[in-house]
Amino acid sequence: MQGPQANWLQDGKRLHLNHGPIDLIVEVFGATDECRQAYEQAIARFQTILMELVEELPELRLPAFFLAPRTFAGPTARRM
C-alpha cells in the first residue's frame, strides 16, 4: 500500500487526499491565507490518521454497549 497521497484536482481549488481505504476530496472557503493554512493543516493531519486508526482497530471493531465507556487514544477514534 502506498503512503498518504495529497494532490490538487484539475480545478486547482480542491485537494484529493488518499491513503488505503480513506479517499477524501476537500475544499475550503475563506480568506486566501486562511485557506492555504487549512489545506496545509489537512495534509499534515492526514499523514498519520490511517495508522492511528489501525492501531485502535481491535477496539473499534468491538460492539458498542450503551453503558460501557470506551477509551480510545486518538480523537478520531473517539469520534467514531
PDB file of N, CA and C in Angstrom:
ATOM      1  N   MET A   1       0.847  -1.179   0.000  1.00  0.00           N
ATOM      2  CA  MET A   1       0.000   0.000   0.000  1.00  0.00           C
ATOM      3  C   MET A   1       0.891   1.240   0.000  1.00  0.00           C
ATOM      4  N   GLN A   2       0.528   2.182  -0.821  1.00  0.00           N
ATOM      5  CA  GLN A   2       1.252   3.457  -0.849  1.00  0.00           C
ATOM      6  C   GLN A   2       0.948   4.248   0.410  1.00  0.00           C
ATOM      7  N   GLY A   3       1.823   5.166   0.717  1.00  0.00           N
ATOM      8  CA  GLY A   3       1.590   6.054   1.847  1.00  0.00           C
ATOM      9  C   GLY A   3       0.552   7.105   1.503  1.00  0.00           C
ATOM     10  N   PRO A   4       0.332   8.033   2.403  1.00  0.00           N
ATOM     11  CA  PRO A   4      -0.656   9.082   2.183  1.00  0.00           C
ATOM     12  C   PRO A   4      -0.317   9.914   0.948  1.00  0.00           C
ATOM     13  N   GLN A   5      -1.328  10.190   0.146  1.00  0.00           N
ATOM     14  CA  GLN A   5      -1.166  10.988  -1.069  1.00  0.00           C
ATOM     15  C   GLN A   5      -2.015  12.250  -0.955  1.00  0.00           C
ATOM     16  N   ALA A   6      -1.485  13.375  -1.361  1.00  0.00           N
ATOM     17  CA  ALA A   6      -2.216  14.642  -1.392  1.00  0.00           C
ATOM     18  C   ALA A   6      -1.940  15.291  -2.737  1.00  0.00           C
ATOM     19  N   ASN A   7      -2.997  15.465  -3.531  1.00  0.00           N
ATOM     20  CA  ASN A   7      -2.854  16.040  -4.868  1.00  0.00           C
ATOM     21  C   ASN A   7      -3.990  17.012  -5.138  1.00  0.00           C
ATOM     22  N   TRP A   8      -3.654  18.080  -5.850  1.00  0.00           N
ATOM     23  CA  TRP A   8      -4.683  19.033  -6.246  1.00  0.00           C
ATOM     24  C   TRP A   8      -5.463  18.479  -7.426  1.00  0.00           C
ATOM     25  N   LEU A   9      -6.767  18.680  -7.428  1.00  0.00           N
ATOM     26  CA  LEU A   9      -7.577  18.316  -8.585  1.00  0.00           C
ATOM     27  C   LEU A   9      -7.361  19.356  -9.678  1.00  0.00           C
ATOM     28  N   GLN A  10      -7.820  19.051 -10.874  1.00  0.00           N
ATOM     29  CA  GLN A  10      -7.565  19.928 -12.025  1.00  0.00           C
ATOM     30  C   GLN A  10      -8.108  21.336 -11.837  1.00  0.00           C
ATOM     31  N   ASP A  11      -9.171  21.488 -11.055  1.00  0.00           N
ATOM     32  CA  ASP A  11      -9.739  22.825 -10.876  1.00  0.00           C
ATOM     33  C   ASP A  11      -8.860  23.721 -10.006  1.00  0.00           C
ATOM     34  N   GLY A  12      -7.850  23.144  -9.343  1.00  0.00           N
ATOM     35  CA  GLY A  12      -6.936  23.921  -8.519  1.00  0.00           C
ATOM     36  C   GLY A  12      -7.537  24.424  -7.219  1.00  0.00           C
ATOM     37  N   LYS A  13      -8.781  24.066  -6.938  1.00  0.00           N
ATOM     38  CA  LYS A  13      -9.460  24.529  -5.728  1.00  0.00           C
ATOM     39  C   LYS A  13      -9.637  23.426  -4.698  1.00  0.00           C
ATOM     40  N   ARG A  14      -9.650  22.190  -5.172  1.00  0.00           N
ATOM     41  CA  ARG A  14      -9.937  21.067  -4.282  1.00  0.00           C
ATOM     42  C   ARG A  14      -8.722  20.163  -4.160  1.00  0.00           C
ATOM     43  N   LEU A  15      -8.582  19.608  -2.974  1.00  0.00           N
ATOM     44  CA  LEU A  15      -7.452  18.752  -2.647  1.00  0.00           C
ATOM     45  C   LEU A  15      -7.953  17.321  -2.508  1.00  0.00           C
ATOM     46  N   HIS A  16      -7.262  16.390  -3.164  1.00  0.00           N
ATOM     47  CA  HIS A  16      -7.604  14.971  -3.070  1.00  0.00           C
ATOM     48  C   HIS A  16      -6.623  14.314  -2.116  1.00  0.00           C
ATOM     49  N   LEU A  17      -7.154  13.760  -1.024  1.00  0.00           N
ATOM     50  CA  LEU A  17      -6.350  13.055  -0.029  1.00  0.00           C
ATOM     51  C   LEU A  17      -6.711  11.583  -0.097  1.00  0.00           C
ATOM     52  N   ASN A  18      -5.703  10.717  -0.244  1.00  0.00           N
ATOM     53  CA  ASN A  18      -5.954   9.289  -0.373  1.00  0.00           C
ATOM     54  C   ASN A  18      -4.891   8.505   0.368  1.00  0.00           C
ATOM     55  N   HIS A  19      -5.355   7.502   1.125  1.00  0.00           N
ATOM     56  CA  HIS A  19      -4.445   6.573   1.798  1.00  0.00           C
ATOM     57  C   HIS A  19      -5.257   5.331   2.121  1.00  0.00           C
ATOM     58  N   GLY A  20      -4.939   4.239   1.464  1.00  0.00           N
ATOM     59  CA  GLY A  20      -5.677   2.994   1.681  1.00  0.00           C
ATOM     60  C   GLY A  20      -7.158   3.193   1.434  1.00  0.00           C
ATOM     61  N   PRO A  21      -8.000   2.858   2.421  1.00  0.00           N
ATOM     62  CA  PRO A  21      -9.443   2.975   2.223  1.00  0.00           C
ATOM     63  C   PRO A  21      -9.978   4.397   2.384  1.00  0.00           C
ATOM     64  N   ILE A  22      -9.128   5.323   2.799  1.00  0.00           N
ATOM     65  CA  ILE A  22      -9.578   6.702   3.001  1.00  0.00           C
ATOM     66  C   ILE A  22      -9.381   7.477   1.707  1.00  0.00           C
ATOM     67  N   ASP A  23     -10.454   8.075   1.226  1.00  0.00           N
ATOM     68  CA  ASP A  23     -10.424   8.827  -0.028  1.00  0.00           C
ATOM     69  C   ASP A  23     -11.277  10.076   0.163  1.00  0.00           C
ATOM     70  N   LEU A  24     -10.630  11.237   0.256  1.00  0.00           N
ATOM     71  CA  LEU A  24     -11.330  12.485   0.537  1.00  0.00           C
ATOM     72  C   LEU A  24     -11.061  13.515  -0.548  1.00  0.00           C
ATOM     73  N   ILE A  25     -12.077  14.298  -0.842  1.00  0.00           N
ATOM     74  CA  ILE A  25     -11.906  15.489  -1.666  1.00  0.00           C
ATOM     75  C   ILE A  25     -12.313  16.657  -0.785  1.00  0.00           C
ATOM     76  N   VAL A  26     -11.372  17.583  -0.587  1.00  0.00           N
ATOM     77  CA  VAL A  26     -11.544  18.658   0.376  1.00  0.00           C
ATOM     78  C   VAL A  26     -11.490  20.004  -0.337  1.00  0.00           C
ATOM     79  N   GLU A  27     -12.424  20.882   0.026  1.00  0.00           N
ATOM     80  CA  GLU A  27     -12.388  22.258  -0.458  1.00  0.00           C
ATOM     81  C   GLU A  27     -12.680  23.170   0.718  1.00  0.00           C
ATOM     82  N   VAL A  28     -11.898  24.216   0.860  1.00  0.00           N
ATOM     83  CA  VAL A  28     -12.105  25.165   1.949  1.00  0.00           C
ATOM     84  C   VAL A  28     -12.480  26.521   1.369  1.00  0.00           C
ATOM     85  N   PHE A  29     -13.110  27.328   2.190  1.00  0.00           N
ATOM     86  CA  PHE A  29     -13.571  28.642   1.766  1.00  0.00           C
ATOM     87  C   PHE A  29     -13.141  29.668   2.803  1.00  0.00           C
ATOM     88  N   GLY A  30     -12.770  30.848   2.341  1.00  0.00           N
ATOM     89  CA  GLY A  30     -12.373  31.910   3.249  1.00  0.00           C
ATOM     90  C   GLY A  30     -11.277  32.756   2.631  1.00  0.00           C
ATOM     91  N   ALA A  31     -10.609  33.503   3.488  1.00  0.00           N
ATOM     92  CA  ALA A  31      -9.502  34.349   3.043  1.00  0.00           C
ATOM     93  C   ALA A  31      -8.368  33.464   2.523  1.00  0.00           C
ATOM     94  N   THR A  32      -7.641  33.973   1.547  1.00  0.00           N
ATOM     95  CA  THR A  32      -6.592  33.197   0.883  1.00  0.00           C
ATOM     96  C   THR A  32      -5.589  32.607   1.865  1.00  0.00           C
ATOM     97  N   ASP A  33      -5.086  33.422   2.781  1.00  0.00           N
ATOM     98  CA  ASP A  33      -4.101  32.927   3.756  1.00  0.00           C
ATOM     99  C   ASP A  33      -4.695  31.848   4.653  1.00  0.00           C
ATOM    100  N   GLU A  34      -5.945  32.032   5.055  1.00  0.00           N
ATOM    101  CA  GLU A  34      -6.593  31.043   5.914  1.00  0.00           C
ATOM    102  C   GLU A  34      -6.831  29.739   5.162  1.00  0.00           C
ATOM    103  N   CYS A  35      -7.191  29.837   3.893  1.00  0.00           N
ATOM    104  CA  CYS A  35      -7.392  28.633   3.078  1.00  0.00           C
ATOM    105  C   CYS A  35      -6.083  27.871   2.920  1.00  0.00           C
ATOM    106  N   ARG A  36      -5.018  28.578   2.619  1.00  0.00           N
ATOM    107  CA  ARG A  36      -3.710  27.936   2.475  1.00  0.00           C
ATOM    108  C   ARG A  36      -3.330  27.213   3.756  1.00  0.00           C
ATOM    109  N   GLN A  37      -3.526  27.877   4.884  1.00  0.00           N
ATOM    110  CA  GLN A  37      -3.188  27.274   6.169  1.00  0.00           C
ATOM    111  C   GLN A  37      -4.074  26.055   6.447  1.00  0.00           C
ATOM    112  N   ALA A  38      -5.343  26.132   6.112  1.00  0.00           N
ATOM    113  CA  ALA A  38      -6.252  24.998   6.334  1.00  0.00           C
ATOM    114  C   ALA A  38      -5.836  23.793   5.498  1.00  0.00           C
ATOM    115  N   TYR A  39      -5.467  24.019   4.248  1.00  0.00           N
ATOM    116  CA  TYR A  39      -5.002  22.911   3.404  1.00  0.00           C
ATOM    117  C   TYR A  39      -3.711  22.303   3.960  1.00  0.00           C
ATOM    118  N   GLU A  40      -2.793  23.151   4.396  1.00  0.00           N
ATOM    119  CA  GLU A  40      -1.540  22.649   4.976  1.00  0.00           C
ATOM    120  C   GLU A  40      -1.814  21.804   6.216  1.00  0.00           C
ATOM    121  N   GLN A  41      -2.744  22.257   7.051  1.00  0.00           N
ATOM    122  CA  GLN A  41      -3.094  21.505   8.256  1.00  0.00           C
ATOM    123  C   GLN A  41      -3.753  20.180   7.900  1.00  0.00           C
ATOM    124  N   ALA A  42      -4.609  20.191   6.887  1.00  0.00           N
ATOM    125  CA  ALA A  42      -5.271  18.948   6.461  1.00  0.00           C
ATOM    126  C   ALA A  42      -4.245  17.936   5.959  1.00  0.00           C
ATOM    127  N   ILE A  43      -3.300  18.395   5.157  1.00  0.00           N
ATOM    128  CA  ILE A  43      -2.261  17.496   4.638  1.00  0.00           C
ATOM    129  C   ILE A  43      -1.421  16.942   5.788  1.00  0.00           C
ATOM    130  N   ALA A  44      -1.041  17.794   6.717  1.00  0.00           N
ATOM    131  CA  ALA A  44      -0.224  17.349   7.851  1.00  0.00           C
ATOM    132  C   ALA A  44      -0.981  16.329   8.700  1.00  0.00           C
ATOM    133  N   ARG A  45      -2.235  16.594   8.981  1.00  0.00           N
ATOM    134  CA  ARG A  45      -3.023  15.671   9.812  1.00  0.00           C
ATOM    135  C   ARG A  45      -3.241  14.345   9.102  1.00  0.00           C
ATOM    136  N   PHE A  46      -3.405  14.388   7.803  1.00  0.00           N
ATOM    137  CA  PHE A  46      -3.700  13.187   7.024  1.00  0.00           C
ATOM    138  C   PHE A  46      -2.529  12.209   7.000  1.00  0.00           C
ATOM    139  N   GLN A  47      -1.325  12.687   7.259  1.00  0.00           N
ATOM    140  CA  GLN A  47      -0.141  11.828   7.179  1.00  0.00           C
ATOM    141  C   GLN A  47      -0.177  10.662   8.158  1.00  0.00           C
ATOM    142  N   THR A  48      -0.843  10.814   9.288  1.00  0.00           N
ATOM    143  CA  THR A  48      -0.803   9.776  10.326  1.00  0.00           C
ATOM    144  C   THR A  48      -2.159   9.192  10.690  1.00  0.00           C
ATOM    145  N   ILE A  49      -3.233   9.724  10.160  1.00  0.00           N
ATOM    146  CA  ILE A  49      -4.556   9.330  10.652  1.00  0.00           C
ATOM    147  C   ILE A  49      -4.877   7.855  10.412  1.00  0.00           C
ATOM    148  N   LEU A  50      -4.516   7.307   9.262  1.00  0.00           N
ATOM    149  CA  LEU A  50      -4.842   5.905   8.996  1.00  0.00           C
ATOM    150  C   LEU A  50      -4.116   4.984   9.968  1.00  0.00           C
ATOM    151  N   MET A  51      -2.848   5.208  10.188  1.00  0.00           N
ATOM    152  CA  MET A  51      -2.095   4.341  11.092  1.00  0.00           C
ATOM    153  C   MET A  51      -2.612   4.460  12.527  1.00  0.00           C
ATOM    154  N   GLU A  52      -3.042   5.653  12.911  1.00  0.00           N
ATOM    155  CA  GLU A  52      -3.625   5.826  14.244  1.00  0.00           C
ATOM    156  C   GLU A  52      -4.901   4.998  14.378  1.00  0.00           C
ATOM    157  N   LEU A  53      -5.725   5.004  13.348  1.00  0.00           N
ATOM    158  CA  LEU A  53      -6.964   4.221  13.388  1.00  0.00           C
ATOM    159  C   LEU A  53      -6.676   2.724  13.357  1.00  0.00           C
ATOM    160  N   VAL A  54      -5.684   2.317  12.581  1.00  0.00           N
ATOM    161  CA  VAL A  54      -5.322   0.895  12.514  1.00  0.00           C
ATOM    162  C   VAL A  54      -4.895   0.397  13.895  1.00  0.00           C
ATOM    163  N   GLU A  55      -4.152   1.211  14.631  1.00  0.00           N
ATOM    164  CA  GLU A  55      -3.730   0.819  15.978  1.00  0.00           C
ATOM    165  C   GLU A  55      -4.924   0.587  16.900  1.00  0.00           C
ATOM    166  N   GLU A  56      -6.021   1.285  16.655  1.00  0.00           N
ATOM    167  CA  GLU A  56      -7.200   1.162  17.508  1.00  0.00           C
ATOM    168  C   GLU A  56      -8.269   0.254  16.902  1.00  0.00           C
ATOM    169  N   LEU A  57      -7.960  -0.374  15.799  1.00  0.00           N
ATOM    170  CA  LEU A  57      -8.938  -1.197  15.096  1.00  0.00           C
ATOM    171  C   LEU A  57      -9.555  -2.302  15.948  1.00  0.00           C
ATOM    172  N   PRO A  58      -8.793  -3.042  16.741  1.00  0.00           N
ATOM    173  CA  PRO A  58      -9.437  -4.086  17.553  1.00  0.00           C
ATOM    174  C   PRO A  58     -10.560  -3.532  18.444  1.00  0.00           C
ATOM    175  N   GLU A  59     -10.315  -2.400  19.065  1.00  0.00           N
ATOM    176  CA  GLU A  59     -11.340  -1.791  19.925  1.00  0.00           C
ATOM    177  C   GLU A  59     -12.478  -1.203  19.098  1.00  0.00           C
ATOM    178  N   LEU A  60     -12.155  -0.606  17.955  1.00  0.00           N
ATOM    179  CA  LEU A  60     -13.193  -0.037  17.097  1.00  0.00           C
ATOM    180  C   LEU A  60     -14.140  -1.111  16.565  1.00  0.00           C
ATOM    181  N   ARG A  61     -13.653  -2.317  16.389  1.00  0.00           N
ATOM    182  CA  ARG A  61     -14.471  -3.403  15.844  1.00  0.00           C
ATOM    183  C   ARG A  61     -15.392  -4.044  16.877  1.00  0.00           C
ATOM    184  N   LEU A  62     -15.155  -3.792  18.146  1.00  0.00           N
ATOM    185  CA  LEU A  62     -15.994  -4.389  19.179  1.00  0.00           C
ATOM    186  C   LEU A  62     -17.380  -3.756  19.182  1.00  0.00           C
ATOM    187  N   PRO A  63     -18.416  -4.527  19.553  1.00  0.00           N
ATOM    188  CA  PRO A  63     -19.762  -3.945  19.648  1.00  0.00           C
ATOM    189  C   PRO A  63     -19.775  -2.828  20.688  1.00  0.00           C
ATOM    190  N   ALA A  64     -20.521  -1.799  20.402  1.00  0.00           N
ATOM    191  CA  ALA A  64     -20.659  -0.689  21.345  1.00  0.00           C
ATOM    192  C   ALA A  64     -21.813  -0.995  22.291  1.00  0.00           C
ATOM    193  N   PHE A  65     -21.551  -0.892  23.574  1.00  0.00           N
ATOM    194  CA  PHE A  65     -22.586  -1.091  24.579  1.00  0.00           C
ATOM    195  C   PHE A  65     -22.898   0.255  25.207  1.00  0.00           C
ATOM    196  N   PHE A  66     -24.172   0.523  25.355  1.00  0.00           N
ATOM    197  CA  PHE A  66     -24.624   1.830  25.828  1.00  0.00           C
ATOM    198  C   PHE A  66     -23.991   2.224  27.163  1.00  0.00           C
ATOM    199  N   LEU A  67     -23.891   1.302  28.095  1.00  0.00           N
ATOM    200  CA  LEU A  67     -23.408   1.648  29.429  1.00  0.00           C
ATOM    201  C   LEU A  67     -21.913   1.414  29.630  1.00  0.00           C
ATOM    202  N   ALA A  68     -21.245   0.886  28.654  1.00  0.00           N
ATOM    203  CA  ALA A  68     -19.821   0.595  28.807  1.00  0.00           C
ATOM    204  C   ALA A  68     -18.985   1.684  28.149  1.00  0.00           C
ATOM    205  N   PRO A  69     -18.318   2.517  28.950  1.00  0.00           N
ATOM    206  CA  PRO A  69     -17.479   3.560  28.341  1.00  0.00           C
ATOM    207  C   PRO A  69     -16.294   2.935  27.609  1.00  0.00           C
ATOM    208  N   ARG A  70     -15.918   3.562  26.529  1.00  0.00           N
ATOM    209  CA  ARG A  70     -14.796   3.065  25.737  1.00  0.00           C
ATOM    210  C   ARG A  70     -13.697   4.111  25.764  1.00  0.00           C
ATOM    211  N   THR A  71     -12.488   3.632  25.817  1.00  0.00           N
ATOM    212  CA  THR A  71     -11.358   4.558  25.837  1.00  0.00           C
ATOM    213  C   THR A  71     -10.540   4.359  24.569  1.00  0.00           C
ATOM    214  N   PHE A  72     -10.355   5.434  23.869  1.00  0.00           N
ATOM    215  CA  PHE A  72      -9.549   5.436  22.657  1.00  0.00           C
ATOM    216  C   PHE A  72      -8.433   6.455  22.838  1.00  0.00           C
ATOM    217  N   ALA A  73      -7.302   6.169  22.266  1.00  0.00           N
ATOM    218  CA  ALA A  73      -6.158   7.070  22.391  1.00  0.00           C
ATOM    219  C   ALA A  73      -6.314   8.313  21.522  1.00  0.00           C
ATOM    220  N   GLY A  74      -6.822   8.138  20.309  1.00  0.00           N
ATOM    221  CA  GLY A  74      -6.874   9.248  19.368  1.00  0.00           C
ATOM    222  C   GLY A  74      -8.237   9.908  19.273  1.00  0.00           C
ATOM    223  N   PRO A  75      -8.261  11.198  18.936  1.00  0.00           N
ATOM    224  CA  PRO A  75      -9.525  11.924  18.840  1.00  0.00           C
ATOM    225  C   PRO A  75     -10.431  11.415  17.715  1.00  0.00           C
ATOM    226  N   THR A  76      -9.852  10.939  16.627  1.00  0.00           N
ATOM    227  CA  THR A  76     -10.675  10.439  15.522  1.00  0.00           C
ATOM    228  C   THR A  76     -11.399   9.169  15.926  1.00  0.00           C
ATOM    229  N   ALA A  77     -10.708   8.256  16.567  1.00  0.00           N
ATOM    230  CA  ALA A  77     -11.346   7.023  17.036  1.00  0.00           C
ATOM    231  C   ALA A  77     -12.428   7.337  18.062  1.00  0.00           C
ATOM    232  N   ARG A  78     -12.197   8.302  18.935  1.00  0.00           N
ATOM    233  CA  ARG A  78     -13.220   8.674  19.926  1.00  0.00           C
ATOM    234  C   ARG A  78     -14.477   9.183  19.238  1.00  0.00           C
ATOM    235  N   ARG A  79     -14.327   9.919  18.164  1.00  0.00           N
ATOM    236  CA  ARG A  79     -15.492  10.454  17.448  1.00  0.00           C
ATOM    237  C   ARG A  79     -16.231   9.383  16.660  1.00  0.00           C
ATOM    238  N   MET A  80     -15.516   8.340  16.291  1.00  0.00           N
ATOM    239  CA  MET A  80     -16.150   7.266  15.523  1.00  0.00           C
ATOM    240  C   MET A  80     -17.062   6.455  16.430  1.00  0.00           C
TER     241      MET A  80
END
